[in-house]
Amino acid sequence: MSSILKIEAFSGASGDMFLGALAGLANAYDELLNLPALLNFDTKAKVEISEKNKNGIVCKHIKVVELEHEHVHRHLSHINKIIEESQLSSNAKLIATEIFNIIGKAESEVHGIPIEKIHFHEVGAIDSIIDICGAAYLLDKLDITESYLTELVTGKGFVKTAHGLLPVPCPATKLIIEGIPYNQGDEAGEKLTPTGAAIIKYLDPKTKLPSMKDLSTAYGTGEKDFENPNVLRLSIAEPVETSKKEMIVVEANLDDISGEYLGIEFQDKLMESGAIDFYFSQVIMKKGRPGLVLSVICSENSFKNVTNMILNFTSTIGLRYHKVNRIELERKIEEVETEFGKFRVKVSTTPNGEVRIKPESEDLLRVSKEKNINPTALAQKIIESYKNDI
């Protein structure tokens, strides 16, 4: 079953932070112990899992320990070969390969070297390979198909690297997160590593969060200590239904059309085209001419039909429109039997639980005219009949 991942990187992100938080969501800490064997590194590295307390947040830290010190600078082709010869699933291999490609492209651009000739330093070490492949393994296990990013903090200042002293975010990291909103935060130090940035880039998170509820949450920590908790918070979430809907308001200025053409026939056509609501406003237009502004509310699906209808059946030669949010009460249409026949009633519920009952105006006015009954009195009888039937 596919999952939605919510990323809260308020203290940055790194490979080990992602590994710890994803393992928590997947309940797969024990499986991480086998990662070196999956990558044919079982004689070269092991995974250690310890408990850390970061400002009162207790979570697991995943540390890859090298059993023998390497003096190897790997090219992208070497890393791709390690991934291909591993025992990861085909999808996990694709994820890991893409994450390394993201890093490789950034390093290539920063150093002005073709991607196939780039030497991976820190990111090419065994611990980083296991971090990235482990994250790929867990993303595949969780079947993450969509993600959202609430905040991304990079840190600031300078950091020592294999290339010397570099600004934070480091040049490769800065390239990787292009197009993703971030802030540097208040503390000096590298909070967002190239590995953490590349995993986020691969996930391609949206930054405009819909209404969601979190189903489970886990934390992953890095080794460093900062003033704020150095943890990455990840959640599996699902969308929730909301009464808040995005609508479009279409407006047209009308100062050279007879009012008789804007009567019931025009209004019926407007509703048939997909208008949810509309109204006319009297205004004084340029050159002191009196006129009307037609305002129509419609959904995005009906936008084309509504605008075509207005342009086809009025004298305007241009429209303006903008998106708005509309909040609706929970509602339903029901039928009620009365001494005057069947009537449709709209039943809505307010946030405090009050139930409101409103007869449909078309039914009410039709019967009021047929029976020569005051519409206000008839509406009250319909409401009483509905309440008696409950």
Protein backbone atom coordinates (compact mmCIF):
# COMPACT_ATOMS: atom_id res chain seq x y z
CA MET A 1 0.00 0.00 0.00
CA SER A 2 1.49 3.34 -1.04
CA SER A 3 2.34 5.94 1.59
CA ILE A 4 2.66 9.70 1.91
CA LEU A 5 5.78 10.94 3.72
CA LYS A 6 5.87 14.22 5.64
CA ILE A 7 9.39 15.61 6.16
CA GLU A 8 10.11 18.07 8.99
CA ALA A 9 13.76 19.02 8.55
CA PHE A 10 13.82 21.80 11.16
CA SER A 11 17.38 20.77 12.07
CA GLY A 12 18.52 19.76 8.61
CA ALA A 13 18.93 16.24 7.27
CA SER A 14 21.68 13.71 6.69
CA GLY A 15 21.97 10.09 5.61
CA ASP A 16 22.04 8.69 9.14
CA MET A 17 19.12 10.91 10.19
CA PHE A 18 17.01 9.62 7.29
CA LEU A 19 18.09 6.06 8.01
CA GLY A 20 17.05 6.26 11.67
CA ALA A 21 13.69 7.95 11.04
CA LEU A 22 12.73 5.71 8.10
CA ALA A 23 13.67 2.61 10.09
CA GLY A 24 11.41 3.84 12.88
CA LEU A 25 8.48 4.26 10.49
CA ALA A 26 9.08 0.83 8.95
CA ASN A 27 9.86 -0.83 12.29
CA ALA A 28 12.96 -2.18 10.59
CA TYR A 29 15.88 -1.42 12.91
CA ASP A 30 16.89 -5.10 13.02
CA GLU A 31 16.85 -5.29 9.23
CA LEU A 32 19.46 -2.53 9.05
CA LEU A 33 21.98 -4.84 10.73
CA ASN A 34 21.99 -6.87 7.53
CA LEU A 35 22.64 -3.89 5.23
CA PRO A 36 26.40 -4.45 4.85
CA ALA A 37 25.75 -8.06 3.77
CA LEU A 38 23.15 -6.93 1.21
CA LEU A 39 25.80 -4.66 -0.31
CA ASN A 40 28.58 -7.28 -0.07
CA PHE A 41 30.31 -5.14 2.57
CA ASP A 42 29.88 -7.64 5.41
CA THR A 43 33.66 -7.94 5.91
CA LYS A 44 34.22 -4.20 5.57
CA ALA A 45 31.53 -2.60 7.76
CA LYS A 46 28.88 -3.17 10.38
CA VAL A 47 25.82 -1.24 11.54
CA GLU A 48 25.52 -0.14 15.16
CA ILE A 49 22.23 1.09 16.59
CA SER A 50 22.25 3.17 19.77
CA GLU A 51 19.77 5.27 21.68
CA LYS A 52 20.36 9.02 21.82
CA ASN A 53 18.67 11.80 23.77
CA LYS A 54 18.47 15.08 21.87
CA ASN A 55 16.95 17.81 24.05
CA GLY A 56 14.60 15.26 25.60
CA ILE A 57 13.73 13.51 22.31
CA VAL A 58 14.87 9.90 22.63
CA CYS A 59 15.48 8.17 19.30
CA LYS A 60 17.76 5.71 17.56
CA HIS A 61 21.02 6.65 15.89
CA ILE A 62 22.26 4.47 13.05
CA LYS A 63 26.04 4.41 12.73
CA VAL A 64 28.00 2.58 10.04
CA VAL A 65 31.37 1.46 11.41
CA GLU A 66 34.12 0.57 8.93
CA LEU A 67 35.99 -2.61 9.91
CA GLU A 68 38.95 -1.73 7.71
CA HIS A 69 40.10 1.73 6.73
CA GLU A 70 39.79 2.51 3.03
CA HIS A 71 41.91 4.75 0.84
CA VAL A 72 39.54 4.52 -2.11
CA HIS A 73 38.05 7.40 -4.09
CA ARG A 74 35.22 5.89 -6.06
CA HIS A 75 33.78 7.09 -9.37
CA LEU A 76 30.04 6.99 -10.04
CA SER A 77 30.54 3.87 -12.17
CA HIS A 78 32.10 2.07 -9.19
CA ILE A 79 29.17 2.97 -6.96
CA ASN A 80 26.64 1.95 -9.61
CA LYS A 81 28.41 -1.42 -9.86
CA ILE A 82 28.18 -1.90 -6.08
CA ILE A 83 24.44 -1.15 -6.22
CA GLU A 84 23.84 -3.40 -9.23
CA GLU A 85 25.68 -6.35 -7.63
CA SER A 86 23.88 -5.89 -4.31
CA GLN A 87 20.95 -7.96 -3.05
CA LEU A 88 18.61 -4.94 -2.91
CA SER A 89 15.28 -5.12 -4.71
CA SER A 90 15.18 -3.76 -8.25
CA ASN A 91 13.21 -0.71 -7.10
CA ALA A 92 15.59 0.00 -4.20
CA LYS A 93 18.48 -0.20 -6.68
CA LEU A 94 16.77 2.39 -8.90
CA ILE A 95 16.21 4.71 -5.93
CA ALA A 96 19.82 4.44 -4.73
CA THR A 97 21.17 4.96 -8.24
CA GLU A 98 19.06 8.07 -8.75
CA ILE A 99 20.17 9.57 -5.41
CA PHE A 100 23.84 9.08 -6.34
CA ASN A 101 23.17 10.56 -9.80
CA ILE A 102 21.73 13.67 -8.11
CA ILE A 103 24.92 14.05 -6.05
CA GLY A 104 27.13 13.28 -9.05
CA LYS A 105 25.50 15.93 -11.24
CA ALA A 106 25.92 18.55 -8.52
CA GLU A 107 29.56 17.65 -7.88
CA SER A 108 30.22 17.65 -11.63
CA GLU A 109 28.83 21.17 -12.02
CA VAL A 110 30.62 22.54 -8.96
CA HIS A 111 34.04 21.18 -9.97
CA GLY A 112 33.67 21.50 -13.74
CA ILE A 113 34.46 17.81 -14.28
CA PRO A 114 32.43 15.33 -16.36
CA ILE A 115 30.18 13.26 -14.12
CA GLU A 116 31.88 9.97 -15.07
CA LYS A 117 35.24 11.37 -13.86
CA ILE A 118 34.03 12.76 -10.53
CA HIS A 119 35.77 11.30 -7.46
CA PHE A 120 33.29 10.77 -4.63
CA HIS A 121 35.04 11.60 -1.37
CA GLU A 122 32.85 11.58 1.76
CA VAL A 123 29.80 10.43 -0.21
CA GLY A 124 31.79 7.61 -1.83
CA ALA A 125 32.90 6.13 1.49
CA ILE A 126 31.36 2.88 2.69
CA ASP A 127 29.32 4.56 5.42
CA SER A 128 27.68 6.97 2.98
CA ILE A 129 27.00 4.19 0.46
CA ILE A 130 25.29 2.15 3.17
CA ASP A 131 23.34 5.22 4.37
CA ILE A 132 21.98 5.96 0.88
CA CYS A 133 21.30 2.34 -0.04
CA GLY A 134 19.67 1.81 3.36
CA ALA A 135 17.42 4.82 2.80
CA ALA A 136 16.53 3.42 -0.64
CA TYR A 137 15.77 0.03 0.92
CA LEU A 138 13.42 1.63 3.47
CA LEU A 139 11.72 3.99 1.00
CA ASP A 140 10.98 0.93 -1.14
CA LYS A 141 9.74 -1.02 1.90
CA LEU A 142 7.43 1.84 2.94
CA ASP A 143 6.30 2.29 -0.70
CA ILE A 144 6.61 6.09 -0.52
CA THR A 145 4.87 7.57 -3.57
CA GLU A 146 4.29 11.16 -2.44
CA SER A 147 6.00 13.51 0.01
CA TYR A 148 5.64 16.94 1.60
CA LEU A 149 8.30 19.16 3.14
CA THR A 150 7.33 21.52 5.96
CA GLU A 151 10.70 23.16 6.61
CA LEU A 152 14.33 22.78 5.55
CA VAL A 153 17.19 24.27 7.57
CA THR A 154 20.74 24.14 6.18
CA GLY A 155 22.88 25.73 8.89
CA LYS A 156 25.36 28.51 8.17
CA GLY A 157 29.02 29.47 8.43
CA PHE A 158 31.84 27.29 7.06
CA VAL A 159 32.75 23.60 7.23
CA LYS A 160 35.96 21.63 6.58
CA THR A 161 35.77 19.15 3.69
CA ALA A 162 38.16 17.10 1.55
CA HIS A 163 38.26 20.15 -0.75
CA GLY A 164 39.09 22.55 2.09
CA LEU A 165 36.96 25.14 3.90
CA LEU A 166 33.57 25.62 2.22
CA PRO A 167 30.52 27.79 2.98
CA VAL A 168 27.32 26.28 4.39
CA PRO A 169 25.32 25.09 2.60
CA CYS A 170 28.20 23.53 0.68
CA PRO A 171 28.24 24.26 -3.06
CA ALA A 172 27.03 20.79 -4.07
CA THR A 173 24.27 20.87 -1.45
CA LYS A 174 23.25 24.34 -2.61
CA LEU A 175 22.89 23.09 -6.20
CA ILE A 176 20.93 20.02 -5.12
CA ILE A 177 18.30 22.03 -3.25
CA GLU A 178 17.77 24.62 -5.99
CA GLY A 179 14.01 25.15 -6.32
CA ILE A 180 13.33 23.91 -2.77
CA PRO A 181 12.54 26.59 -0.13
CA TYR A 182 14.98 26.63 2.78
CA ASN A 183 16.42 28.85 5.50
CA GLN A 184 19.84 28.80 7.15
CA GLY A 185 18.58 28.96 10.72
CA ASP A 186 20.36 30.64 13.60
CA GLU A 187 23.18 28.21 14.34
CA ALA A 188 26.56 27.78 12.66
CA GLY A 189 27.44 24.38 11.26
CA GLU A 190 26.43 22.04 8.46
CA LYS A 191 22.95 20.77 9.22
CA LEU A 192 22.04 19.67 5.71
CA THR A 193 24.54 17.30 4.10
CA PRO A 194 24.74 16.44 0.39
CA THR A 195 23.33 13.00 1.19
CA GLY A 196 20.36 14.42 3.10
CA ALA A 197 19.76 16.99 0.37
CA ALA A 198 19.91 14.35 -2.38
CA ILE A 199 17.37 12.11 -0.62
CA ILE A 200 15.01 15.08 -0.30
CA LYS A 201 15.60 16.02 -3.95
CA TYR A 202 14.84 12.46 -5.03
CA LEU A 203 11.58 12.50 -3.08
CA ASP A 204 10.60 15.73 -4.90
CA PRO A 205 8.43 16.94 -2.01
CA LYS A 206 5.63 19.45 -2.34
CA THR A 207 5.82 22.38 0.06
CA LYS A 208 2.15 23.37 0.08
CA LEU A 209 0.62 20.98 2.57
CA PRO A 210 -3.00 19.89 2.18
CA SER A 211 -5.08 18.97 5.22
CA MET A 212 -3.51 15.74 6.50
CA LYS A 213 -3.42 13.59 9.58
CA ASP A 214 -0.27 11.80 10.77
CA LEU A 215 -0.62 8.03 11.16
CA SER A 216 2.86 7.40 12.61
CA THR A 217 5.92 9.51 13.41
CA ALA A 218 9.58 8.67 13.93
CA TYR A 219 12.80 10.57 14.61
CA GLY A 220 16.31 10.04 13.32
CA THR A 221 19.29 11.81 14.84
CA GLY A 222 22.70 12.86 13.68
CA GLU A 223 25.88 12.65 15.77
CA LYS A 224 26.35 16.40 16.24
CA ASP A 225 24.79 18.41 19.04
CA PHE A 226 23.22 21.79 18.36
CA GLU A 227 21.30 24.17 20.56
CA ASN A 228 18.07 22.88 19.04
CA PRO A 229 17.41 19.12 18.82
CA ASN A 230 19.48 17.65 16.00
CA VAL A 231 16.77 15.31 14.75
CA LEU A 232 14.82 14.73 11.56
CA ARG A 233 11.11 14.09 12.05
CA LEU A 234 9.31 11.95 9.48
CA SER A 235 5.65 10.97 9.45
CA ILE A 236 3.44 8.69 7.41
CA ALA A 237 0.34 10.77 6.72
CA GLU A 238 -2.92 10.62 4.84
CA PRO A 239 -5.13 13.39 3.45
CA VAL A 240 -8.35 14.30 5.24
CA GLU A 241 -11.56 15.56 3.77
CA THR A 242 -12.10 19.24 4.33
CA SER A 243 -14.98 21.61 3.71
CA LYS A 244 -12.51 24.15 2.37
CA LYS A 245 -12.66 24.13 -1.42
CA GLU A 246 -10.75 26.13 -3.99
CA MET A 247 -13.07 27.96 -6.38
CA ILE A 248 -12.67 30.51 -9.16
CA VAL A 249 -14.44 33.89 -9.26
CA VAL A 250 -15.05 35.14 -12.81
CA GLU A 251 -16.04 38.80 -13.29
CA ALA A 252 -17.26 40.81 -16.25
CA ASN A 253 -18.08 44.52 -16.57
CA LEU A 254 -21.37 45.07 -18.46
CA ASP A 255 -22.29 48.62 -19.47
CA ASP A 256 -23.65 48.19 -22.99
CA ILE A 257 -26.19 45.37 -22.73
CA SER A 258 -29.89 45.61 -22.02
CA GLY A 259 -31.01 44.28 -18.66
CA GLU A 260 -33.75 42.24 -20.35
CA TYR A 261 -31.04 39.99 -21.83
CA LEU A 262 -29.73 39.18 -18.34
CA GLY A 263 -32.99 37.75 -16.99
CA ILE A 264 -34.05 34.23 -16.12
CA GLU A 265 -33.11 32.68 -19.49
CA PHE A 266 -29.55 34.01 -19.24
CA GLN A 267 -29.30 33.02 -15.59
CA ASP A 268 -30.53 29.48 -16.31
CA LYS A 269 -27.87 29.11 -19.01
CA LEU A 270 -25.25 30.37 -16.56
CA MET A 271 -26.19 27.71 -14.00
CA GLU A 272 -26.32 25.03 -16.69
CA SER A 273 -22.77 25.92 -17.75
CA GLY A 274 -21.50 25.05 -14.27
CA ALA A 275 -21.89 28.23 -12.19
CA ILE A 276 -22.24 27.48 -8.48
CA ASP A 277 -23.43 30.98 -7.60
CA PHE A 278 -23.55 34.42 -9.20
CA TYR A 279 -24.65 37.97 -8.51
CA PHE A 280 -24.83 41.39 -10.15
CA SER A 281 -23.43 44.57 -8.61
CA GLN A 282 -24.44 48.04 -9.75
CA VAL A 283 -21.42 50.30 -10.35
CA ILE A 284 -20.44 53.57 -11.97
CA MET A 285 -17.96 52.82 -14.71
CA LYS A 286 -15.56 54.97 -16.72
CA LYS A 287 -16.94 58.13 -18.31
CA GLY A 288 -19.63 58.18 -15.61
CA ARG A 289 -21.64 55.39 -17.22
CA PRO A 290 -23.84 53.22 -14.96
CA GLY A 291 -23.21 49.53 -15.41
CA LEU A 292 -23.22 46.07 -13.84
CA VAL A 293 -20.48 43.75 -12.65
CA LEU A 294 -21.35 40.09 -13.13
CA SER A 295 -19.56 37.90 -10.55
CA VAL A 296 -19.72 34.13 -10.99
CA ILE A 297 -18.33 31.42 -8.70
CA CYS A 298 -17.41 28.13 -10.33
CA SER A 299 -15.11 25.15 -9.93
CA GLU A 300 -11.94 24.71 -11.93
CA ASN A 301 -13.64 21.92 -13.91
CA SER A 302 -16.45 24.28 -15.00
CA PHE A 303 -14.21 27.30 -15.63
CA LYS A 304 -13.99 26.89 -19.42
CA ASN A 305 -17.72 26.31 -19.88
CA VAL A 306 -18.64 29.29 -17.68
CA THR A 307 -16.24 31.73 -19.37
CA ASN A 308 -17.33 30.59 -22.84
CA MET A 309 -20.97 31.09 -21.89
CA ILE A 310 -20.35 34.65 -20.61
CA LEU A 311 -18.32 35.61 -23.67
CA ASN A 312 -20.89 34.07 -26.04
CA PHE A 313 -24.04 35.55 -24.48
CA THR A 314 -23.01 38.98 -23.19
CA SER A 315 -21.43 42.03 -24.81
CA THR A 316 -18.21 41.91 -22.79
CA ILE A 317 -14.94 41.45 -24.68
CA GLY A 318 -12.87 40.42 -21.68
CA LEU A 319 -13.06 38.71 -18.30
CA ARG A 320 -10.98 38.70 -15.16
CA TYR A 321 -10.75 35.84 -12.68
CA HIS A 322 -9.03 34.81 -9.48
CA LYS A 323 -8.97 31.80 -7.19
CA VAL A 324 -10.66 31.88 -3.81
CA ASN A 325 -11.18 29.42 -0.99
CA ARG A 326 -14.74 28.58 -0.05
CA ILE A 327 -15.77 26.99 3.25
CA GLU A 328 -19.01 25.01 3.19
CA LEU A 329 -21.06 23.57 5.99
CA GLU A 330 -21.64 19.84 5.90
CA ARG A 331 -24.90 19.44 4.01
CA LYS A 332 -27.28 16.98 2.38
CA ILE A 333 -30.52 17.14 0.39
CA GLU A 334 -33.46 15.15 1.75
CA GLU A 335 -37.13 14.80 0.85
CA VAL A 336 -39.99 15.41 3.26
CA GLU A 337 -43.63 14.48 2.80
CA THR A 338 -46.17 17.19 3.78
CA GLU A 339 -49.89 17.78 3.34
CA PHE A 340 -48.95 19.85 0.25
CA GLY A 341 -46.81 17.12 -1.33
CA LYS A 342 -43.10 16.28 -1.37
CA PHE A 343 -40.48 18.94 -0.82
CA ARG A 344 -36.71 18.89 -1.01
CA VAL A 345 -34.95 20.36 2.02
CA LYS A 346 -31.31 21.28 2.47
CA VAL A 347 -30.02 20.08 5.86
CA SER A 348 -26.72 21.58 7.04
CA THR A 349 -24.74 21.30 10.27
CA THR A 350 -22.79 24.17 11.84
CA PRO A 351 -19.41 23.66 13.58
CA ASN A 352 -21.11 23.75 16.99
CA GLY A 353 -23.53 20.99 15.94
CA GLU A 354 -26.63 23.08 15.20
CA VAL A 355 -28.80 21.57 12.45
CA ARG A 356 -30.34 24.00 9.97
CA ILE A 357 -33.21 23.10 7.66
CA LYS A 358 -34.03 25.11 4.54
CA PRO A 359 -36.66 24.14 1.94
CA GLU A 360 -35.46 24.35 -1.66
CA SER A 361 -36.72 27.66 -3.04
CA GLU A 362 -37.86 26.20 -6.38
CA ASP A 363 -40.20 23.71 -4.70
CA LEU A 364 -41.36 26.29 -2.16
CA LEU A 365 -42.22 29.03 -4.68
CA ARG A 366 -43.89 26.62 -7.11
CA VAL A 367 -46.28 25.21 -4.50
CA SER A 368 -46.80 28.63 -2.91
CA LYS A 369 -48.03 29.92 -6.26
CA GLU A 370 -50.13 26.83 -7.04
CA LYS A 371 -51.82 26.73 -3.61
CA ASN A 372 -51.89 30.50 -3.05
CA ILE A 373 -50.05 30.09 0.28
CA ASN A 374 -47.72 32.58 1.89
CA PRO A 375 -44.20 31.19 1.20
CA THR A 376 -42.96 32.02 4.72
CA ALA A 377 -45.82 30.10 6.31
CA LEU A 378 -45.34 27.21 3.89
CA ALA A 379 -41.62 27.04 4.70
CA GLN A 380 -42.42 26.77 8.40
CA LYS A 381 -44.85 23.89 7.78
CA ILE A 382 -42.22 22.05 5.71
CA ILE A 383 -39.61 22.45 8.48
CA GLU A 384 -42.08 21.21 11.11
CA SER A 385 -42.92 18.19 8.96
CA TYR A 386 -39.24 17.37 8.55
CA LYS A 387 -38.62 17.60 12.32
CA ASN A 388 -41.62 15.35 13.02
CA ASP A 389 -40.26 12.72 10.65
CA ILE A 390 -36.85 12.55 12.32
